[in-house]
Protein backbone atom coordinates (compact mmCIF):
# COMPACT_ATOMS: atom_id res chain seq x y z
CA MET A 1 19.04 5.18 -21.66
CA PRO A 2 15.27 5.86 -21.68
CA LYS A 3 13.32 6.69 -18.57
CA GLN A 4 11.75 3.85 -16.58
CA LYS A 5 7.95 3.69 -16.75
CA THR A 6 5.76 3.87 -13.66
CA HIS A 7 4.07 0.59 -12.69
CA LYS A 8 0.42 1.65 -13.04
CA GLY A 9 -0.97 -1.21 -10.91
CA LEU A 10 1.28 -0.18 -8.04
CA LYS A 11 0.44 3.50 -8.46
CA LYS A 12 -3.27 2.76 -7.90
CA ARG A 13 -2.64 0.82 -4.68
CA ILE A 14 -0.21 2.96 -2.69
CA LYS A 15 0.40 6.58 -1.73
CA ILE A 16 3.62 8.37 -0.75
CA THR A 17 3.24 10.65 2.29
CA SER A 18 4.86 14.08 2.47
CA SER A 19 7.64 12.69 4.68
CA GLY A 20 8.39 10.00 2.08
CA LYS A 21 6.76 7.00 3.78
CA VAL A 22 4.60 4.56 1.80
CA LYS A 23 0.94 4.03 2.78
CA CYS A 24 -1.26 1.16 1.58
CA SER A 25 -4.39 -0.75 2.52
CA HIS A 26 -4.40 -3.93 4.59
CA SER A 27 -4.94 -7.26 2.90
CA GLY A 28 -7.86 -9.54 3.76
CA THR A 29 -10.66 -7.04 3.18
CA GLY A 30 -12.11 -8.43 -0.06
CA HIS A 31 -14.75 -10.85 1.19
CA LEU A 32 -15.77 -13.12 4.11
CA MET A 33 -16.08 -10.08 6.37
CA SER A 34 -18.98 -11.52 8.40
CA SER A 35 -16.65 -14.04 10.04
CA LYS A 36 -14.31 -11.27 11.22
CA ASN A 37 -15.15 -9.39 14.41
CA ALA A 38 -15.87 -5.64 14.43
CA LYS A 39 -12.53 -4.68 15.98
CA ARG A 40 -10.65 -6.58 13.27
CA ARG A 41 -12.74 -5.09 10.44
CA ARG A 42 -12.18 -1.60 11.83
CA ARG A 43 -8.41 -2.17 12.04
CA LEU A 44 -8.28 -3.56 8.49
CA SER A 45 -10.17 -0.59 7.06
CA SER A 46 -7.42 1.88 8.00
CA LYS A 47 -4.25 2.48 6.00
CA THR A 48 -0.85 1.17 7.13
CA ILE A 49 2.75 2.28 6.66
CA ILE A 50 4.99 -0.16 4.75
CA SER A 51 8.31 -1.08 6.40
CA SER A 52 11.34 0.86 5.18
CA ALA A 53 12.93 -2.26 3.61
CA LYS A 54 9.92 -2.88 1.35
CA ALA A 55 9.38 0.84 0.75
CA LYS A 56 12.66 1.06 -1.18
CA THR A 57 11.47 -1.60 -3.63
CA VAL A 58 8.07 0.07 -3.98
CA LYS A 59 9.60 3.47 -4.73
CA ILE A 60 11.68 1.94 -7.54
CA GLY A 61 8.42 0.72 -9.12
CA LEU A 62 6.92 4.20 -8.85
CA CYS A 63 9.98 5.92 -10.38
CA LYS A 64 9.60 9.05 -8.25
């Protein structure tokens, strides 16, 4: 059976940490930022860790 290919769209959006957790950006940062307060914009700009249940599915897409 041939090897499974990496999902390139997913590869550009997430990062695997050294401990094996999956980091990604928050949603809701594309536009309409003026209606969001500064605390919310600051929180959205940081990266977040995906839950372990979803991380398993993501890692299958990355084929690592």
